[in-house]
Amino acid sequence: MKNFFNDVYEVVRLIPKGRVTSYGAIANYLGTKMSARMVGWAMNAAHGLSDVPAHRVVNRNGLLTGKHHFSTPDAMQTMLEAEGHQVKNDQIIAFKQSFWDPSKELI
């Protein structure tokens, strides 16, 4: 039996550096469109996994809703900025331009 969290992590590992996606886009790709919240739970549990770039997963509006689960309150923003994103008021500027949709990219 496949584990949903591991399926989420497999997708997140494929997000290219400098791109971001949303909880809902991952859920949709996995065929569970209504389970964006479960993707969020998986991401909250991923912070001990060094090979899962959890900072690249945000909400559908580009908000850093998972930032409280990182080692410091600004760690998520710092990691995103290091990859070229601009973040203001916990939201990625030009979110749509950097959005990575696994349903389109992983054909």
PDB file of N, CA and C in Angstrom:
ATOM      1  N   MET A   1       0.841  -1.188   0.000  1.00  0.00           N
ATOM      2  CA  MET A   1       0.000   0.000   0.000  1.00  0.00           C
ATOM      3  C   MET A   1       0.884   1.249   0.000  1.00  0.00           C
ATOM      4  N   LYS A   2       0.549   2.181  -0.864  1.00  0.00           N
ATOM      5  CA  LYS A   2       1.324   3.419  -0.934  1.00  0.00           C
ATOM      6  C   LYS A   2       0.947   4.344   0.223  1.00  0.00           C
ATOM      7  N   ASN A   3       1.896   5.108   0.656  1.00  0.00           N
ATOM      8  CA  ASN A   3       1.694   6.052   1.737  1.00  0.00           C
ATOM      9  C   ASN A   3       1.504   7.451   1.142  1.00  0.00           C
ATOM     10  N   PHE A   4       0.402   8.110   1.488  1.00  0.00           N
ATOM     11  CA  PHE A   4       0.091   9.424   0.926  1.00  0.00           C
ATOM     12  C   PHE A   4       1.204  10.432   1.184  1.00  0.00           C
ATOM     13  N   PHE A   5       1.728  10.476   2.410  1.00  0.00           N
ATOM     14  CA  PHE A   5       2.792  11.428   2.721  1.00  0.00           C
ATOM     15  C   PHE A   5       4.007  11.194   1.824  1.00  0.00           C
ATOM     16  N   ASN A   6       4.379   9.932   1.623  1.00  0.00           N
ATOM     17  CA  ASN A   6       5.520   9.638   0.752  1.00  0.00           C
ATOM     18  C   ASN A   6       5.252  10.047  -0.691  1.00  0.00           C
ATOM     19  N   ASP A   7       4.002   9.885  -1.152  1.00  0.00           N
ATOM     20  CA  ASP A   7       3.646  10.339  -2.498  1.00  0.00           C
ATOM     21  C   ASP A   7       3.812  11.855  -2.610  1.00  0.00           C
ATOM     22  N   VAL A   8       3.387  12.572  -1.580  1.00  0.00           N
ATOM     23  CA  VAL A   8       3.549  14.028  -1.554  1.00  0.00           C
ATOM     24  C   VAL A   8       5.030  14.375  -1.627  1.00  0.00           C
ATOM     25  N   TYR A   9       5.840  13.712  -0.815  1.00  0.00           N
ATOM     26  CA  TYR A   9       7.276  14.013  -0.784  1.00  0.00           C
ATOM     27  C   TYR A   9       7.939  13.743  -2.132  1.00  0.00           C
ATOM     28  N   GLU A  10       7.491  12.696  -2.822  1.00  0.00           N
ATOM     29  CA  GLU A  10       8.048  12.404  -4.148  1.00  0.00           C
ATOM     30  C   GLU A  10       7.795  13.558  -5.105  1.00  0.00           C
ATOM     31  N   VAL A  11       6.600  14.136  -5.061  1.00  0.00           N
ATOM     32  CA  VAL A  11       6.271  15.272  -5.925  1.00  0.00           C
ATOM     33  C   VAL A  11       7.086  16.496  -5.517  1.00  0.00           C
ATOM     34  N   VAL A  12       7.157  16.776  -4.232  1.00  0.00           N
ATOM     35  CA  VAL A  12       7.866  17.968  -3.750  1.00  0.00           C
ATOM     36  C   VAL A  12       9.350  17.904  -4.129  1.00  0.00           C
ATOM     37  N   ARG A  13       9.926  16.726  -4.111  1.00  0.00           N
ATOM     38  CA  ARG A  13      11.339  16.576  -4.499  1.00  0.00           C
ATOM     39  C   ARG A  13      11.573  16.973  -5.959  1.00  0.00           C
ATOM     40  N   LEU A  14      10.520  16.970  -6.770  1.00  0.00           N
ATOM     41  CA  LEU A  14      10.634  17.289  -8.194  1.00  0.00           C
ATOM     42  C   LEU A  14      10.448  18.772  -8.512  1.00  0.00           C
ATOM     43  N   ILE A  15      10.042  19.571  -7.517  1.00  0.00           N
ATOM     44  CA  ILE A  15       9.855  21.002  -7.761  1.00  0.00           C
ATOM     45  C   ILE A  15      11.224  21.620  -8.047  1.00  0.00           C
ATOM     46  N   PRO A  16      11.385  22.230  -9.211  1.00  0.00           N
ATOM     47  CA  PRO A  16      12.690  22.814  -9.542  1.00  0.00           C
ATOM     48  C   PRO A  16      13.043  23.996  -8.634  1.00  0.00           C
ATOM     49  N   LYS A  17      14.320  24.165  -8.409  1.00  0.00           N
ATOM     50  CA  LYS A  17      14.807  25.317  -7.651  1.00  0.00           C
ATOM     51  C   LYS A  17      14.334  26.588  -8.357  1.00  0.00           C
ATOM     52  N   GLY A  18      13.842  27.538  -7.578  1.00  0.00           N
ATOM     53  CA  GLY A  18      13.348  28.788  -8.144  1.00  0.00           C
ATOM     54  C   GLY A  18      11.881  28.758  -8.527  1.00  0.00           C
ATOM     55  N   ARG A  19      11.222  27.624  -8.299  1.00  0.00           N
ATOM     56  CA  ARG A  19       9.796  27.495  -8.592  1.00  0.00           C
ATOM     57  C   ARG A  19       9.072  27.126  -7.302  1.00  0.00           C
ATOM     58  N   VAL A  20       7.766  27.338  -7.290  1.00  0.00           N
ATOM     59  CA  VAL A  20       6.933  26.998  -6.134  1.00  0.00           C
ATOM     60  C   VAL A  20       5.638  26.371  -6.616  1.00  0.00           C
ATOM     61  N   THR A  21       4.994  25.651  -5.730  1.00  0.00           N
ATOM     62  CA  THR A  21       3.688  25.085  -6.036  1.00  0.00           C
ATOM     63  C   THR A  21       2.798  25.223  -4.809  1.00  0.00           C
ATOM     64  N   SER A  22       1.573  24.742  -4.941  1.00  0.00           N
ATOM     65  CA  SER A  22       0.620  24.866  -3.835  1.00  0.00           C
ATOM     66  C   SER A  22       0.202  23.488  -3.325  1.00  0.00           C
ATOM     67  N   TYR A  23      -0.350  23.496  -2.130  1.00  0.00           N
ATOM     68  CA  TYR A  23      -0.866  22.267  -1.541  1.00  0.00           C
ATOM     69  C   TYR A  23      -1.924  21.651  -2.463  1.00  0.00           C
ATOM     70  N   GLY A  24      -2.813  22.495  -2.966  1.00  0.00           N
ATOM     71  CA  GLY A  24      -3.886  22.027  -3.830  1.00  0.00           C
ATOM     72  C   GLY A  24      -3.400  21.451  -5.144  1.00  0.00           C
ATOM     73  N   ALA A  25      -2.355  22.055  -5.725  1.00  0.00           N
ATOM     74  CA  ALA A  25      -1.816  21.548  -6.992  1.00  0.00           C
ATOM     75  C   ALA A  25      -1.226  20.149  -6.799  1.00  0.00           C
ATOM     76  N   ILE A  26      -0.587  19.928  -5.669  1.00  0.00           N
ATOM     77  CA  ILE A  26      -0.038  18.600  -5.378  1.00  0.00           C
ATOM     78  C   ILE A  26      -1.176  17.608  -5.177  1.00  0.00           C
ATOM     79  N   ALA A  27      -2.189  18.002  -4.413  1.00  0.00           N
ATOM     80  CA  ALA A  27      -3.339  17.125  -4.182  1.00  0.00           C
ATOM     81  C   ALA A  27      -4.005  16.762  -5.510  1.00  0.00           C
ATOM     82  N   ASN A  28      -4.192  17.744  -6.364  1.00  0.00           N
ATOM     83  CA  ASN A  28      -4.812  17.508  -7.666  1.00  0.00           C
ATOM     84  C   ASN A  28      -3.980  16.521  -8.486  1.00  0.00           C
ATOM     85  N   TYR A  29      -2.677  16.706  -8.511  1.00  0.00           N
ATOM     86  CA  TYR A  29      -1.801  15.808  -9.254  1.00  0.00           C
ATOM     87  C   TYR A  29      -1.905  14.370  -8.740  1.00  0.00           C
ATOM     88  N   LEU A  30      -2.037  14.228  -7.430  1.00  0.00           N
ATOM     89  CA  LEU A  30      -2.131  12.888  -6.832  1.00  0.00           C
ATOM     90  C   LEU A  30      -3.522  12.282  -6.949  1.00  0.00           C
ATOM     91  N   GLY A  31      -4.440  13.001  -7.591  1.00  0.00           N
ATOM     92  CA  GLY A  31      -5.780  12.468  -7.804  1.00  0.00           C
ATOM     93  C   GLY A  31      -6.698  12.614  -6.619  1.00  0.00           C
ATOM     94  N   THR A  32      -6.321  13.466  -5.695  1.00  0.00           N
ATOM     95  CA  THR A  32      -7.123  13.689  -4.486  1.00  0.00           C
ATOM     96  C   THR A  32      -7.355  15.184  -4.321  1.00  0.00           C
ATOM     97  N   LYS A  33      -8.025  15.768  -5.304  1.00  0.00           N
ATOM     98  CA  LYS A  33      -8.169  17.219  -5.399  1.00  0.00           C
ATOM     99  C   LYS A  33      -8.653  17.887  -4.104  1.00  0.00           C
ATOM    100  N   MET A  34      -9.466  17.207  -3.353  1.00  0.00           N
ATOM    101  CA  MET A  34     -10.028  17.807  -2.146  1.00  0.00           C
ATOM    102  C   MET A  34      -9.149  17.610  -0.908  1.00  0.00           C
ATOM    103  N   SER A  35      -7.940  17.112  -1.082  1.00  0.00           N
ATOM    104  CA  SER A  35      -7.116  16.808   0.087  1.00  0.00           C
ATOM    105  C   SER A  35      -5.918  17.748   0.247  1.00  0.00           C
ATOM    106  N   ALA A  36      -6.076  18.996  -0.140  1.00  0.00           N
ATOM    107  CA  ALA A  36      -4.988  19.971   0.022  1.00  0.00           C
ATOM    108  C   ALA A  36      -4.559  20.062   1.488  1.00  0.00           C
ATOM    109  N   ARG A  37      -5.499  19.959   2.391  1.00  0.00           N
ATOM    110  CA  ARG A  37      -5.166  20.023   3.820  1.00  0.00           C
ATOM    111  C   ARG A  37      -4.265  18.856   4.231  1.00  0.00           C
ATOM    112  N   MET A  38      -4.520  17.675   3.670  1.00  0.00           N
ATOM    113  CA  MET A  38      -3.661  16.524   3.975  1.00  0.00           C
ATOM    114  C   MET A  38      -2.248  16.742   3.426  1.00  0.00           C
ATOM    115  N   VAL A  39      -2.143  17.406   2.272  1.00  0.00           N
ATOM    116  CA  VAL A  39      -0.819  17.752   1.739  1.00  0.00           C
ATOM    117  C   VAL A  39      -0.127  18.680   2.729  1.00  0.00           C
ATOM    118  N   GLY A  40      -0.872  19.612   3.296  1.00  0.00           N
ATOM    119  CA  GLY A  40      -0.317  20.507   4.314  1.00  0.00           C
ATOM    120  C   GLY A  40       0.198  19.743   5.521  1.00  0.00           C
ATOM    121  N   TRP A  41      -0.548  18.756   5.956  1.00  0.00           N
ATOM    122  CA  TRP A  41      -0.103  17.937   7.095  1.00  0.00           C
ATOM    123  C   TRP A  41       1.185  17.197   6.742  1.00  0.00           C
ATOM    124  N   ALA A  42       1.246  16.693   5.520  1.00  0.00           N
ATOM    125  CA  ALA A  42       2.467  16.001   5.070  1.00  0.00           C
ATOM    126  C   ALA A  42       3.647  16.964   5.086  1.00  0.00           C
ATOM    127  N   MET A  43       3.417  18.193   4.627  1.00  0.00           N
ATOM    128  CA  MET A  43       4.508  19.168   4.600  1.00  0.00           C
ATOM    129  C   MET A  43       4.945  19.537   6.016  1.00  0.00           C
ATOM    130  N   ASN A  44       4.003  19.637   6.928  1.00  0.00           N
ATOM    131  CA  ASN A  44       4.351  19.947   8.317  1.00  0.00           C
ATOM    132  C   ASN A  44       5.223  18.858   8.924  1.00  0.00           C
ATOM    133  N   ALA A  45       5.025  17.630   8.469  1.00  0.00           N
ATOM    134  CA  ALA A  45       5.802  16.500   8.981  1.00  0.00           C
ATOM    135  C   ALA A  45       7.124  16.307   8.231  1.00  0.00           C
ATOM    136  N   ALA A  46       7.359  17.094   7.183  1.00  0.00           N
ATOM    137  CA  ALA A  46       8.522  16.887   6.307  1.00  0.00           C
ATOM    138  C   ALA A  46       9.772  17.633   6.736  1.00  0.00           C
ATOM    139  N   HIS A  47       9.672  18.463   7.729  1.00  0.00           N
ATOM    140  CA  HIS A  47      10.791  19.353   8.039  1.00  0.00           C
ATOM    141  C   HIS A  47      12.026  18.641   8.582  1.00  0.00           C
ATOM    142  N   GLY A  48      11.896  17.397   8.947  1.00  0.00           N
ATOM    143  CA  GLY A  48      13.069  16.630   9.349  1.00  0.00           C
ATOM    144  C   GLY A  48      13.720  15.906   8.178  1.00  0.00           C
ATOM    145  N   LEU A  49      13.107  16.032   7.005  1.00  0.00           N
ATOM    146  CA  LEU A  49      13.610  15.347   5.815  1.00  0.00           C
ATOM    147  C   LEU A  49      14.402  16.344   4.969  1.00  0.00           C
ATOM    148  N   SER A  50      15.712  16.225   4.986  1.00  0.00           N
ATOM    149  CA  SER A  50      16.559  17.218   4.320  1.00  0.00           C
ATOM    150  C   SER A  50      16.419  17.199   2.800  1.00  0.00           C
ATOM    151  N   ASP A  51      15.893  16.118   2.233  1.00  0.00           N
ATOM    152  CA  ASP A  51      15.766  16.038   0.778  1.00  0.00           C
ATOM    153  C   ASP A  51      14.389  16.462   0.262  1.00  0.00           C
ATOM    154  N   VAL A  52      13.543  16.993   1.137  1.00  0.00           N
ATOM    155  CA  VAL A  52      12.215  17.468   0.747  1.00  0.00           C
ATOM    156  C   VAL A  52      12.187  18.991   0.893  1.00  0.00           C
ATOM    157  N   PRO A  53      12.193  19.727  -0.236  1.00  0.00           N
ATOM    158  CA  PRO A  53      12.214  21.192  -0.172  1.00  0.00           C
ATOM    159  C   PRO A  53      10.840  21.783   0.175  1.00  0.00           C
ATOM    160  N   ALA A  54      10.447  21.592   1.425  1.00  0.00           N
ATOM    161  CA  ALA A  54       9.115  22.005   1.887  1.00  0.00           C
ATOM    162  C   ALA A  54       8.870  23.499   1.714  1.00  0.00           C
ATOM    163  N   HIS A  55       9.936  24.301   1.690  1.00  0.00           N
ATOM    164  CA  HIS A  55       9.766  25.750   1.549  1.00  0.00           C
ATOM    165  C   HIS A  55       9.166  26.136   0.196  1.00  0.00           C
ATOM    166  N   ARG A  56       9.176  25.234  -0.769  1.00  0.00           N
ATOM    167  CA  ARG A  56       8.649  25.520  -2.112  1.00  0.00           C
ATOM    168  C   ARG A  56       7.148  25.261  -2.224  1.00  0.00           C
ATOM    169  N   VAL A  57       6.494  24.898  -1.126  1.00  0.00           N
ATOM    170  CA  VAL A  57       5.061  24.621  -1.144  1.00  0.00           C
ATOM    171  C   VAL A  57       4.356  25.683  -0.298  1.00  0.00           C
ATOM    172  N   VAL A  58       3.440  26.406  -0.940  1.00  0.00           N
ATOM    173  CA  VAL A  58       2.719  27.505  -0.296  1.00  0.00           C
ATOM    174  C   VAL A  58       1.222  27.344  -0.571  1.00  0.00           C
ATOM    175  N   ASN A  59       0.423  28.263  -0.088  1.00  0.00           N
ATOM    176  CA  ASN A  59      -1.008  28.126  -0.361  1.00  0.00           C
ATOM    177  C   ASN A  59      -1.320  28.660  -1.765  1.00  0.00           C
ATOM    178  N   ARG A  60      -2.565  28.542  -2.175  1.00  0.00           N
ATOM    179  CA  ARG A  60      -2.958  28.863  -3.550  1.00  0.00           C
ATOM    180  C   ARG A  60      -2.778  30.335  -3.924  1.00  0.00           C
ATOM    181  N   ASN A  61      -2.567  31.186  -2.935  1.00  0.00           N
ATOM    182  CA  ASN A  61      -2.343  32.603  -3.187  1.00  0.00           C
ATOM    183  C   ASN A  61      -0.878  32.999  -3.033  1.00  0.00           C
ATOM    184  N   GLY A  62      -0.019  32.012  -2.818  1.00  0.00           N
ATOM    185  CA  GLY A  62       1.401  32.311  -2.644  1.00  0.00           C
ATOM    186  C   GLY A  62       1.777  32.731  -1.241  1.00  0.00           C
ATOM    187  N   LEU A  63       0.896  32.502  -0.286  1.00  0.00           N
ATOM    188  CA  LEU A  63       1.179  32.853   1.107  1.00  0.00           C
ATOM    189  C   LEU A  63       2.001  31.766   1.783  1.00  0.00           C
ATOM    190  N   LEU A  64       2.937  32.170   2.618  1.00  0.00           N
ATOM    191  CA  LEU A  64       3.811  31.242   3.338  1.00  0.00           C
ATOM    192  C   LEU A  64       3.103  30.724   4.588  1.00  0.00           C
ATOM    193  N   THR A  65       2.031  29.995   4.376  1.00  0.00           N
ATOM    194  CA  THR A  65       1.206  29.535   5.498  1.00  0.00           C
ATOM    195  C   THR A  65       1.905  28.483   6.353  1.00  0.00           C
ATOM    196  N   GLY A  66       2.928  27.817   5.825  1.00  0.00           N
ATOM    197  CA  GLY A  66       3.629  26.797   6.591  1.00  0.00           C
ATOM    198  C   GLY A  66       4.860  27.291   7.312  1.00  0.00           C
ATOM    199  N   LYS A  67       5.089  28.591   7.309  1.00  0.00           N
ATOM    200  CA  LYS A  67       6.339  29.140   7.851  1.00  0.00           C
ATOM    201  C   LYS A  67       6.540  28.843   9.336  1.00  0.00           C
ATOM    202  N   HIS A  68       5.488  28.609  10.063  1.00  0.00           N
ATOM    203  CA  HIS A  68       5.595  28.364  11.507  1.00  0.00           C
ATOM    204  C   HIS A  68       6.177  26.986  11.824  1.00  0.00           C
ATOM    205  N   HIS A  69       6.269  26.145  10.811  1.00  0.00           N
ATOM    206  CA  HIS A  69       6.780  24.795  11.021  1.00  0.00           C
ATOM    207  C   HIS A  69       8.273  24.676  10.700  1.00  0.00           C
ATOM    208  N   PHE A  70       8.896  25.799  10.381  1.00  0.00           N
ATOM    209  CA  PHE A  70      10.333  25.806  10.114  1.00  0.00           C
ATOM    210  C   PHE A  70      11.084  26.156  11.394  1.00  0.00           C
ATOM    211  N   SER A  71      12.392  26.016  11.362  1.00  0.00           N
ATOM    212  CA  SER A  71      13.208  26.198  12.569  1.00  0.00           C
ATOM    213  C   SER A  71      13.123  27.604  13.147  1.00  0.00           C
ATOM    214  N   THR A  72      12.949  28.596  12.297  1.00  0.00           N
ATOM    215  CA  THR A  72      12.757  29.983  12.751  1.00  0.00           C
ATOM    216  C   THR A  72      11.604  30.583  11.958  1.00  0.00           C
ATOM    217  N   PRO A  73      10.984  31.646  12.462  1.00  0.00           N
ATOM    218  CA  PRO A  73       9.842  32.241  11.762  1.00  0.00           C
ATOM    219  C   PRO A  73      10.164  32.764  10.358  1.00  0.00           C
ATOM    220  N   ASP A  74      11.425  33.097  10.095  1.00  0.00           N
ATOM    221  CA  ASP A  74      11.767  33.639   8.779  1.00  0.00           C
ATOM    222  C   ASP A  74      12.560  32.666   7.901  1.00  0.00           C
ATOM    223  N   ALA A  75      12.729  31.427   8.344  1.00  0.00           N
ATOM    224  CA  ALA A  75      13.527  30.445   7.588  1.00  0.00           C
ATOM    225  C   ALA A  75      12.932  30.158   6.208  1.00  0.00           C
ATOM    226  N   MET A  76      11.624  30.005   6.128  1.00  0.00           N
ATOM    227  CA  MET A  76      10.980  29.708   4.845  1.00  0.00           C
ATOM    228  C   MET A  76      11.211  30.855   3.860  1.00  0.00           C
ATOM    229  N   GLN A  77      10.989  32.072   4.322  1.00  0.00           N
ATOM    230  CA  GLN A  77      11.194  33.243   3.470  1.00  0.00           C
ATOM    231  C   GLN A  77      12.652  33.347   3.030  1.00  0.00           C
ATOM    232  N   THR A  78      13.575  33.117   3.938  1.00  0.00           N
ATOM    233  CA  THR A  78      15.000  33.186   3.621  1.00  0.00           C
ATOM    234  C   THR A  78      15.370  32.177   2.540  1.00  0.00           C
ATOM    235  N   MET A  79      14.853  30.961   2.648  1.00  0.00           N
ATOM    236  CA  MET A  79      15.145  29.928   1.644  1.00  0.00           C
ATOM    237  C   MET A  79      14.558  30.291   0.285  1.00  0.00           C
ATOM    238  N   LEU A  80      13.347  30.832   0.274  1.00  0.00           N
ATOM    239  CA  LEU A  80      12.728  31.240  -0.986  1.00  0.00           C
ATOM    240  C   LEU A  80      13.495  32.398  -1.618  1.00  0.00           C
ATOM    241  N   GLU A  81      13.888  33.351  -0.809  1.00  0.00           N
ATOM    242  CA  GLU A  81      14.651  34.488  -1.342  1.00  0.00           C
ATOM    243  C   GLU A  81      16.002  34.041  -1.888  1.00  0.00           C
ATOM    244  N   ALA A  82      16.606  33.045  -1.273  1.00  0.00           N
ATOM    245  CA  ALA A  82      17.887  32.516  -1.757  1.00  0.00           C
ATOM    246  C   ALA A  82      17.730  31.864  -3.133  1.00  0.00           C
ATOM    247  N   GLU A  83      16.495  31.477  -3.470  1.00  0.00           N
ATOM    248  CA  GLU A  83      16.226  30.881  -4.780  1.00  0.00           C
ATOM    249  C   GLU A  83      15.680  31.903  -5.775  1.00  0.00           C
ATOM    250  N   GLY A  84      15.701  33.185  -5.393  1.00  0.00           N
ATOM    251  CA  GLY A  84      15.326  34.239  -6.325  1.00  0.00           C
ATOM    252  C   GLY A  84      13.929  34.804  -6.187  1.00  0.00           C
ATOM    253  N   HIS A  85      13.165  34.351  -5.207  1.00  0.00           N
ATOM    254  CA  HIS A  85      11.808  34.868  -5.014  1.00  0.00           C
ATOM    255  C   HIS A  85      11.846  36.137  -4.185  1.00  0.00           C
ATOM    256  N   GLN A  86      10.915  37.020  -4.461  1.00  0.00           N
ATOM    257  CA  GLN A  86      10.700  38.182  -3.602  1.00  0.00           C
ATOM    258  C   GLN A  86       9.479  37.889  -2.750  1.00  0.00           C
ATOM    259  N   VAL A  87       9.603  38.152  -1.455  1.00  0.00           N
ATOM    260  CA  VAL A  87       8.516  37.884  -0.522  1.00  0.00           C
ATOM    261  C   VAL A  87       8.218  39.163   0.243  1.00  0.00           C
ATOM    262  N   LYS A  88       6.941  39.522   0.280  1.00  0.00           N
ATOM    263  CA  LYS A  88       6.517  40.705   1.032  1.00  0.00           C
ATOM    264  C   LYS A  88       5.265  40.342   1.812  1.00  0.00           C
ATOM    265  N   ASN A  89       5.278  40.660   3.097  1.00  0.00           N
ATOM    266  CA  ASN A  89       4.143  40.353   3.973  1.00  0.00           C
ATOM    267  C   ASN A  89       3.746  38.878   3.887  1.00  0.00           C
ATOM    268  N   ASP A  90       4.761  38.005   3.907  1.00  0.00           N
ATOM    269  CA  ASP A  90       4.566  36.552   3.870  1.00  0.00           C
ATOM    270  C   ASP A  90       3.908  36.057   2.584  1.00  0.00           C
ATOM    271  N   GLN A  91       4.035  36.806   1.502  1.00  0.00           N
ATOM    272  CA  GLN A  91       3.465  36.387   0.225  1.00  0.00           C
ATOM    273  C   GLN A  91       4.508  36.520  -0.878  1.00  0.00           C
ATOM    274  N   ILE A  92       4.561  35.508  -1.751  1.00  0.00           N
ATOM    275  CA  ILE A  92       5.509  35.534  -2.867  1.00  0.00           C
ATOM    276  C   ILE A  92       5.025  36.522  -3.914  1.00  0.00           C
ATOM    277  N   ILE A  93       5.887  37.480  -4.247  1.00  0.00           N
ATOM    278  CA  ILE A  93       5.592  38.431  -5.316  1.00  0.00           C
ATOM    279  C   ILE A  93       5.784  37.674  -6.641  1.00  0.00           C
ATOM    280  N   ALA A  94       4.962  37.946  -7.619  1.00  0.00           N
ATOM    281  CA  ALA A  94       5.016  37.269  -8.925  1.00  0.00           C
ATOM    282  C   ALA A  94       4.827  35.753  -8.769  1.00  0.00           C
ATOM    283  N   PHE A  95       3.920  35.380  -7.887  1.00  0.00           N
ATOM    284  CA  PHE A  95       3.649  33.967  -7.614  1.00  0.00           C
ATOM    285  C   PHE A  95       3.259  33.212  -8.885  1.00  0.00           C
ATOM    286  N   LYS A  96       2.370  33.786  -9.679  1.00  0.00           N
ATOM    287  CA  LYS A  96       1.894  33.086 -10.878  1.00  0.00           C
ATOM    288  C   LYS A  96       3.037  32.795 -11.860  1.00  0.00           C
ATOM    289  N   GLN A  97       4.004  33.692 -11.945  1.00  0.00           N
ATOM    290  CA  GLN A  97       5.117  33.490 -12.871  1.00  0.00           C
ATOM    291  C   GLN A  97       6.052  32.374 -12.417  1.00  0.00           C
ATOM    292  N   SER A  98       6.134  32.126 -11.132  1.00  0.00           N
ATOM    293  CA  SER A  98       7.034  31.081 -10.625  1.00  0.00           C
ATOM    294  C   SER A  98       6.298  29.801 -10.240  1.00  0.00           C
ATOM    295  N   PHE A  99       4.985  29.778 -10.492  1.00  0.00           N
ATOM    296  CA  PHE A  99       4.165  28.624 -10.117  1.00  0.00           C
ATOM    297  C   PHE A  99       4.507  27.411 -10.977  1.00  0.00           C
ATOM    298  N   TRP A 100       4.686  26.278 -10.324  1.00  0.00           N
ATOM    299  CA  TRP A 100       4.988  24.992 -10.966  1.00  0.00           C
ATOM    300  C   TRP A 100       3.802  24.081 -10.723  1.00  0.00           C
ATOM    301  N   ASP A 101       3.124  23.690 -11.808  1.00  0.00           N
ATOM    302  CA  ASP A 101       1.952  22.821 -11.691  1.00  0.00           C
ATOM    303  C   ASP A 101       2.350  21.400 -12.057  1.00  0.00           C
ATOM    304  N   PRO A 102       2.408  20.494 -11.078  1.00  0.00           N
ATOM    305  CA  PRO A 102       2.831  19.133 -11.382  1.00  0.00           C
ATOM    306  C   PRO A 102       1.941  18.439 -12.401  1.00  0.00           C
ATOM    307  N   SER A 103       0.665  18.799 -12.480  1.00  0.00           N
ATOM    308  CA  SER A 103      -0.237  18.166 -13.447  1.00  0.00           C
ATOM    309  C   SER A 103       0.145  18.529 -14.878  1.00  0.00           C
ATOM    310  N   LYS A 104       0.806  19.663 -15.069  1.00  0.00           N
ATOM    311  CA  LYS A 104       1.250  20.082 -16.402  1.00  0.00           C
ATOM    312  C   LYS A 104       2.714  19.737 -16.644  1.00  0.00           C
ATOM    313  N   GLU A 105       3.520  19.830 -15.602  1.00  0.00           N
ATOM    314  CA  GLU A 105       4.969  19.637 -15.733  1.00  0.00           C
ATOM    315  C   GLU A 105       5.384  18.163 -15.720  1.00  0.00           C
ATOM    316  N   LEU A 106       4.612  17.317 -15.057  1.00  0.00           N
ATOM    317  CA  LEU A 106       4.968  15.914 -14.909  1.00  0.00           C
ATOM    318  C   LEU A 106       4.086  15.024 -15.770  1.00  0.00           C
ATOM    319  N   ILE A 107       4.095  15.267 -17.038  1.00  0.00           N
ATOM    320  CA  ILE A 107       3.262  14.496 -17.972  1.00  0.00           C
ATOM    321  C   ILE A 107       4.033  13.262 -18.423  1.00  0.00           C
TER     322      ILE A 107
END
